[in-house]
Amino acid sequence: MTGPIHESPPGVRRITLDAAGLPLSALLSEPPGGSPRAVVVAVHGGGMNAGYFDCRAHPEQSLLTLGASLGHTVLAVDRPGYRHSAALLPEGQGLAEQAVSLRAALRDFVSRHDTGAGLFLLAHSYGGKVALTAAADLPQAADLPQAADPGPPHLLGIDISGCGHLYAVEPHELPTAPGGGRLRRSWGPLRLYPSGTFRESGSIVEPVPALERAELARWPLLFRSTAPRVRVPVRLTFAEHEAWWRHDDEALADLVAHFTAAPQVSVERQPAAGHNISLGRAARAYHLRALAFLEDCLVARETTPAPRAVISPLPSAVASPDGTEVDDVQLCAER
């Protein structure tokens, strides 16, 4: 059962994607008067829908509006088991199935829309798991001849918030039961959110499908086999008040080390934010940083592959994915 329909502002419209016979609903925002520079594909987390990226509690929160104003198409997809597909998939889909469905839905979108320089995945929480799984083994855009048929949509890069590889809670504390999980872990201090956020969130909060809940505990193991197969630039952001995931120095160094094939990996922290970054006061700051990373990916595509680098909160030497050391690289948001 879904909540009330999220009211989209002018310029944001609802569409339906064909994921190999499975209809997936989505929100679409396109740049005015011209072809997009790229397409930002936004993938929401567990217990939310695509409206997570278009919250209206504050006029500057919406990723869809911001991305379109900067010349990009923004496509926020309702994952399998949410919104339009909820009745068809009452139990949802497992992680691997969701990745297949997302890739199929993007093939459908690409067949009917201009994608500019390519696709850029921007994902939150469980959506980050889906994004990494969908991206595993896909070639970089730069690897594809201009005349080649890429098959599944190629990617420029991936930006993920609120998703790590080591939980900061014990297995029995994971939200594996209906209604499970703790409010404070998902939101953090309430002062981080504009007035009206929780009233607006009534239209974007949904039950987590059973198959999705059942796989939560397996992610640390699945990550180890997924991350090494991702061959596009990756940026990961952890909120200052992130409580679901470990993001201490040791955990971040280990996280980065698993992306052995990615040409670039960066890790940042977003100050004054809780797990649900895109609903908080820091939403615009995070979205701008994510879109700046997209700019880096566009430059890399037009020039040469970006060098392997790690941005870490560690003030001392940090190991990069290829085993070399990066000295004195500071976290840009470090206080």
Protein backbone atom coordinates (compact mmCIF):
# COMPACT_ATOMS: atom_id res chain seq x y z
CA MET A 1 0.00 0.00 0.00
CA THR A 2 1.44 3.34 -1.00
CA GLY A 3 1.14 6.76 0.56
CA PRO A 4 -0.41 9.86 -0.99
CA ILE A 5 0.77 10.90 -4.43
CA HIS A 6 3.76 13.22 -4.34
CA GLU A 7 2.80 16.55 -5.89
CA SER A 8 5.39 17.52 -8.47
CA PRO A 9 6.05 21.19 -9.27
CA PRO A 10 5.92 22.66 -12.78
CA GLY A 11 8.81 21.31 -14.83
CA VAL A 12 8.78 17.94 -13.10
CA ARG A 13 6.57 15.32 -14.69
CA ARG A 14 5.71 11.70 -14.09
CA ILE A 15 6.61 9.07 -16.66
CA THR A 16 6.57 5.28 -16.83
CA LEU A 17 9.57 3.21 -17.89
CA ASP A 18 9.43 -0.26 -19.37
CA ALA A 19 11.86 -2.50 -17.46
CA ALA A 20 11.58 -5.55 -19.74
CA GLY A 21 7.85 -5.76 -19.18
CA LEU A 22 7.82 -4.36 -15.64
CA PRO A 23 6.43 -0.81 -15.48
CA LEU A 24 8.46 1.49 -13.25
CA SER A 25 7.21 4.96 -12.43
CA ALA A 26 9.63 7.88 -12.36
CA LEU A 27 9.93 11.64 -12.01
CA LEU A 28 11.53 13.50 -14.91
CA SER A 29 12.90 17.03 -15.09
CA GLU A 30 14.49 18.29 -18.30
CA PRO A 31 16.56 21.40 -19.01
CA PRO A 32 14.70 24.22 -20.72
CA GLY A 33 15.24 24.74 -24.42
CA GLY A 34 17.77 22.22 -25.54
CA SER A 35 19.51 18.89 -25.29
CA PRO A 36 20.81 17.80 -21.89
CA ARG A 37 24.49 17.84 -21.11
CA ALA A 38 24.00 14.49 -19.35
CA VAL A 39 21.30 12.50 -17.56
CA VAL A 40 21.38 12.21 -13.78
CA VAL A 41 19.63 8.99 -12.76
CA ALA A 42 18.55 9.28 -9.12
CA VAL A 43 17.95 6.03 -7.20
CA HIS A 44 16.20 6.32 -3.83
CA GLY A 45 16.81 4.37 -0.65
CA GLY A 46 14.70 1.90 1.29
CA GLY A 47 11.36 3.08 2.60
CA MET A 48 11.26 6.13 0.29
CA ASN A 49 10.22 6.72 -3.30
CA ALA A 50 11.54 8.95 -6.08
CA GLY A 51 10.05 12.00 -4.37
CA TYR A 52 13.02 11.83 -1.98
CA PHE A 53 14.96 13.79 -4.61
CA ASP A 54 12.21 16.39 -5.06
CA CYS A 55 11.21 17.34 -1.52
CA ARG A 56 9.42 20.68 -1.33
CA ALA A 57 9.87 21.60 2.34
CA HIS A 58 12.44 24.13 1.15
CA PRO A 59 12.58 25.58 -2.40
CA GLU A 60 16.27 24.76 -2.83
CA GLN A 61 16.14 21.10 -1.78
CA SER A 62 15.05 19.53 -5.06
CA LEU A 63 17.74 17.71 -7.04
CA LEU A 64 15.39 17.57 -10.03
CA THR A 65 15.01 21.35 -10.20
CA LEU A 66 18.68 22.06 -9.55
CA GLY A 67 19.96 19.53 -12.08
CA ALA A 68 17.69 20.81 -14.84
CA SER A 69 18.73 24.41 -14.13
CA LEU A 70 22.35 23.37 -14.75
CA GLY A 71 21.53 21.80 -18.11
CA HIS A 72 21.01 18.16 -17.11
CA THR A 73 18.05 15.86 -17.40
CA VAL A 74 17.24 14.35 -14.00
CA LEU A 75 15.40 11.02 -13.91
CA ALA A 76 14.37 9.82 -10.44
CA VAL A 77 13.22 6.21 -10.70
CA ASP A 78 10.82 4.45 -8.32
CA ARG A 79 12.65 1.21 -7.66
CA PRO A 80 10.90 -2.17 -8.15
CA GLY A 81 8.34 -2.70 -5.39
CA TYR A 82 7.62 1.02 -5.02
CA ARG A 83 4.82 3.16 -6.43
CA HIS A 84 3.64 1.93 -9.83
CA SER A 85 5.20 -1.52 -9.51
CA ALA A 86 4.19 -2.08 -5.87
CA ALA A 87 0.99 -3.96 -6.73
CA LEU A 88 2.83 -6.18 -9.22
CA LEU A 89 5.69 -6.86 -6.81
CA PRO A 90 4.17 -6.96 -3.31
CA GLU A 91 7.37 -8.57 -1.98
CA GLY A 92 9.62 -6.33 -4.09
CA GLN A 93 12.77 -7.70 -5.71
CA GLY A 94 16.15 -8.79 -4.42
CA LEU A 95 19.24 -6.70 -5.08
CA ALA A 96 20.40 -8.57 -8.19
CA GLU A 97 16.92 -8.48 -9.71
CA GLN A 98 16.60 -4.76 -9.01
CA ALA A 99 19.89 -4.11 -10.77
CA VAL A 100 18.64 -5.98 -13.84
CA SER A 101 15.36 -4.06 -13.76
CA LEU A 102 17.14 -0.71 -13.44
CA ARG A 103 19.39 -1.45 -16.39
CA ALA A 104 16.37 -2.50 -18.47
CA ALA A 105 14.46 0.66 -17.50
CA LEU A 106 17.43 2.80 -18.51
CA ARG A 107 17.67 1.02 -21.86
CA ASP A 108 14.04 1.99 -22.43
CA PHE A 109 14.71 5.60 -21.40
CA VAL A 110 17.79 5.88 -23.63
CA SER A 111 15.83 4.57 -26.60
CA ARG A 112 13.36 7.46 -26.32
CA HIS A 113 15.34 10.40 -24.91
CA ASP A 114 18.46 12.40 -25.65
CA THR A 115 21.07 11.54 -23.03
CA GLY A 116 23.77 14.06 -23.90
CA ALA A 117 27.22 12.86 -22.86
CA GLY A 118 25.86 9.85 -20.97
CA LEU A 119 24.29 8.66 -17.73
CA PHE A 120 25.35 9.49 -14.18
CA LEU A 121 23.97 7.49 -11.25
CA LEU A 122 23.21 9.42 -8.07
CA ALA A 123 21.95 7.04 -5.40
CA HIS A 124 21.03 7.02 -1.72
CA SER A 125 21.29 4.27 0.91
CA TYR A 126 19.84 0.98 -0.43
CA GLY A 127 19.71 2.67 -3.83
CA GLY A 128 23.50 2.87 -3.63
CA LYS A 129 23.65 -0.91 -3.41
CA VAL A 130 21.43 -1.17 -6.49
CA ALA A 131 23.52 1.40 -8.36
CA LEU A 132 26.81 -0.38 -7.66
CA THR A 133 25.33 -3.76 -8.59
CA ALA A 134 23.86 -2.36 -11.81
CA ALA A 135 27.16 -0.68 -12.68
CA ALA A 136 29.35 -3.74 -12.07
CA ASP A 137 31.01 -4.86 -15.32
CA LEU A 138 29.62 -1.96 -17.36
CA PRO A 139 32.24 -0.23 -19.54
CA GLN A 140 33.16 3.41 -19.09
CA ALA A 141 31.75 5.77 -21.68
CA ALA A 142 35.31 6.50 -22.82
CA ASP A 143 35.83 2.80 -23.57
CA LEU A 144 33.06 2.72 -26.17
CA PRO A 145 33.68 3.51 -29.85
CA GLN A 146 31.42 6.29 -31.07
CA ALA A 147 29.59 3.95 -33.45
CA ALA A 148 29.36 1.01 -31.07
CA ASP A 149 26.11 -0.22 -29.57
CA PRO A 150 26.83 -0.19 -25.81
CA GLY A 151 24.03 -2.63 -24.97
CA PRO A 152 23.11 -1.66 -21.43
CA PRO A 153 23.39 2.11 -20.87
CA HIS A 154 26.96 3.22 -20.27
CA LEU A 155 27.82 5.34 -17.25
CA LEU A 156 29.89 8.44 -16.67
CA GLY A 157 30.17 7.87 -12.92
CA ILE A 158 28.39 7.06 -9.67
CA ASP A 159 27.70 9.32 -6.70
CA ILE A 160 26.37 7.59 -3.57
CA SER A 161 25.29 8.94 -0.20
CA GLY A 162 24.35 7.04 2.94
CA CYS A 163 25.74 3.67 1.89
CA GLY A 164 28.91 2.04 3.15
CA HIS A 165 30.11 -1.53 3.40
CA LEU A 166 30.29 -2.12 7.17
CA TYR A 167 27.26 -1.58 9.37
CA ALA A 168 27.60 0.49 12.52
CA VAL A 169 24.85 -1.57 14.16
CA GLU A 170 24.57 -5.19 15.18
CA PRO A 171 22.71 -7.58 12.82
CA HIS A 172 19.69 -7.74 15.12
CA GLU A 173 19.41 -3.92 14.95
CA LEU A 174 18.95 -3.84 11.17
CA PRO A 175 15.41 -2.94 10.01
CA THR A 176 14.67 -6.48 8.79
CA ALA A 177 11.09 -6.55 10.11
CA PRO A 178 8.14 -4.47 8.82
CA GLY A 179 8.37 -1.08 10.45
CA GLY A 180 11.81 -1.98 11.83
CA GLY A 181 14.65 0.45 12.32
CA ARG A 182 15.04 3.45 14.52
CA LEU A 183 13.90 6.90 13.52
CA ARG A 184 16.94 8.65 14.95
CA ARG A 185 19.39 6.55 12.92
CA SER A 186 17.63 7.45 9.69
CA TRP A 187 17.21 11.15 10.39
CA GLY A 188 19.67 12.31 13.04
CA PRO A 189 18.99 15.54 14.98
CA LEU A 190 15.73 17.13 13.90
CA ARG A 191 17.36 20.58 13.66
CA LEU A 192 19.04 19.39 10.46
CA TYR A 193 15.72 19.54 8.57
CA PRO A 194 13.68 22.56 7.45
CA SER A 195 10.28 23.23 8.95
CA GLY A 196 7.66 21.18 7.12
CA THR A 197 10.01 18.35 6.16
CA PHE A 198 8.10 15.68 8.06
CA ARG A 199 4.76 16.93 6.76
CA GLU A 200 6.10 16.75 3.21
CA SER A 201 7.70 13.35 3.80
CA GLY A 202 4.29 11.74 4.22
CA SER A 203 4.10 11.50 0.44
CA ILE A 204 7.51 9.93 -0.07
CA VAL A 205 7.80 7.44 2.80
CA GLU A 206 6.75 3.87 1.93
CA PRO A 207 7.03 0.38 3.40
CA VAL A 208 10.26 -1.47 2.63
CA PRO A 209 9.44 -4.58 0.54
CA ALA A 210 10.11 -7.92 2.21
CA LEU A 211 12.77 -9.15 -0.25
CA GLU A 212 14.68 -5.91 0.24
CA ARG A 213 14.63 -6.25 4.03
CA ALA A 214 15.70 -9.88 3.84
CA GLU A 215 18.97 -9.04 2.05
CA LEU A 216 20.16 -6.24 4.32
CA ALA A 217 22.51 -8.40 6.38
CA ARG A 218 24.20 -9.83 3.25
CA TRP A 219 25.44 -6.52 1.87
CA PRO A 220 28.92 -6.50 3.50
CA LEU A 221 29.62 -9.82 1.76
CA LEU A 222 28.01 -8.83 -1.55
CA PHE A 223 29.95 -5.57 -1.59
CA ARG A 224 33.27 -7.43 -1.64
CA SER A 225 32.43 -9.11 -4.92
CA THR A 226 30.65 -6.08 -6.46
CA ALA A 227 33.00 -3.15 -5.84
CA PRO A 228 36.01 -4.62 -7.74
CA ARG A 229 33.86 -4.90 -10.88
CA VAL A 230 32.89 -1.21 -11.00
CA ARG A 231 34.95 0.52 -13.70
CA VAL A 232 33.62 4.08 -13.55
CA PRO A 233 34.55 6.95 -11.19
CA VAL A 234 32.90 6.65 -7.78
CA ARG A 235 32.21 9.25 -5.10
CA LEU A 236 30.77 8.31 -1.70
CA THR A 237 29.39 10.74 0.87
CA PHE A 238 28.69 10.10 4.54
CA ALA A 239 26.63 12.53 6.58
CA GLU A 240 28.18 13.99 9.69
CA HIS A 241 25.43 12.29 11.71
CA GLU A 242 25.36 9.02 9.73
CA ALA A 243 24.43 6.24 12.17
CA TRP A 244 23.78 3.16 10.02
CA TRP A 245 27.29 2.82 8.57
CA ARG A 246 30.81 2.86 9.89
CA HIS A 247 32.69 5.83 8.45
CA ASP A 248 35.72 5.98 10.70
CA ASP A 249 39.16 6.31 9.10
CA GLU A 250 39.86 2.57 9.11
CA ALA A 251 36.50 1.69 7.59
CA LEU A 252 36.84 4.31 4.83
CA ALA A 253 40.33 3.14 3.88
CA ASP A 254 39.03 -0.42 3.60
CA LEU A 255 35.98 0.76 1.64
CA VAL A 256 38.11 2.51 -0.97
CA ALA A 257 40.53 -0.41 -1.26
CA HIS A 258 37.78 -2.64 -2.68
CA PHE A 259 37.30 -0.44 -5.79
CA THR A 260 40.30 -1.90 -7.58
CA ALA A 261 39.04 -1.20 -11.14
CA ALA A 262 37.52 2.27 -10.68
CA PRO A 263 39.65 5.01 -12.25
CA GLN A 264 38.82 7.41 -9.42
CA VAL A 265 37.38 6.95 -5.93
CA SER A 266 36.65 9.75 -3.50
CA VAL A 267 35.08 9.76 -0.05
CA GLU A 268 33.66 12.85 1.64
CA ARG A 269 31.63 13.80 4.66
CA GLN A 270 28.71 16.20 4.48
CA PRO A 271 28.58 18.47 7.54
CA ALA A 272 25.31 19.33 9.29
CA ALA A 273 23.50 16.37 7.73
CA GLY A 274 21.82 13.15 8.81
CA HIS A 275 21.40 9.93 6.85
CA ASN A 276 18.60 11.41 4.69
CA ILE A 277 20.86 14.13 3.27
CA SER A 278 18.60 15.13 0.35
CA LEU A 279 15.75 15.97 2.72
CA GLY A 280 17.82 18.16 5.04
CA ARG A 281 19.12 21.71 5.12
CA ALA A 282 22.36 20.43 3.58
CA ALA A 283 20.57 19.01 0.53
CA ARG A 284 21.58 21.78 -1.87
CA ALA A 285 25.20 21.69 -0.71
CA TYR A 286 25.34 17.93 -1.24
CA HIS A 287 23.59 18.08 -4.62
CA LEU A 288 25.96 20.80 -5.83
CA ARG A 289 28.98 18.71 -4.78
CA ALA A 290 27.52 15.67 -6.53
CA LEU A 291 26.90 17.65 -9.71
CA ALA A 292 30.44 19.06 -9.50
CA PHE A 293 31.64 15.46 -9.49
CA LEU A 294 29.57 14.90 -12.62
CA GLU A 295 31.43 17.86 -14.16
CA ASP A 296 34.71 16.09 -13.35
CA CYS A 297 33.41 12.95 -15.05
CA LEU A 298 32.46 14.95 -18.14
CA VAL A 299 35.91 16.50 -18.31
CA ALA A 300 37.52 13.06 -17.91
CA ARG A 301 35.44 11.72 -20.76
CA GLU A 302 36.54 14.53 -23.06
CA THR A 303 40.21 14.44 -22.12
CA THR A 304 42.09 11.62 -20.43
CA PRO A 305 41.03 9.20 -17.68
CA ALA A 306 41.22 10.79 -14.25
CA PRO A 307 44.15 9.58 -12.11
CA ARG A 308 43.40 7.26 -9.24
CA ALA A 309 42.93 9.35 -6.10
CA VAL A 310 41.47 9.01 -2.66
CA ILE A 311 39.99 11.85 -0.66
CA SER A 312 39.93 10.80 2.96
CA PRO A 313 39.46 12.40 6.36
CA LEU A 314 42.82 10.96 7.39
CA PRO A 315 45.44 13.69 7.80
CA SER A 316 48.23 11.15 7.43
CA ALA A 317 49.14 8.89 4.53
CA VAL A 318 46.23 6.85 3.15
CA ALA A 319 46.29 3.82 0.89
CA SER A 320 44.69 4.26 -2.53
CA PRO A 321 42.92 1.35 -4.30
CA ASP A 322 46.09 0.36 -6.17
CA GLY A 323 48.10 0.13 -2.95
CA THR A 324 50.05 3.39 -3.30
CA GLU A 325 49.97 6.12 -0.67
CA VAL A 326 48.29 9.50 -0.95
CA ASP A 327 49.89 11.89 1.53
CA ASP A 328 48.17 14.71 3.39
CA VAL A 329 44.90 14.59 1.46
CA GLN A 330 42.33 16.29 3.64
CA LEU A 331 38.59 15.89 3.68
CA CYS A 332 37.14 18.96 2.01
CA ALA A 333 34.38 19.22 4.62
CA GLU A 334 36.69 18.64 7.59
CA ARG A 335 36.19 21.15 10.36
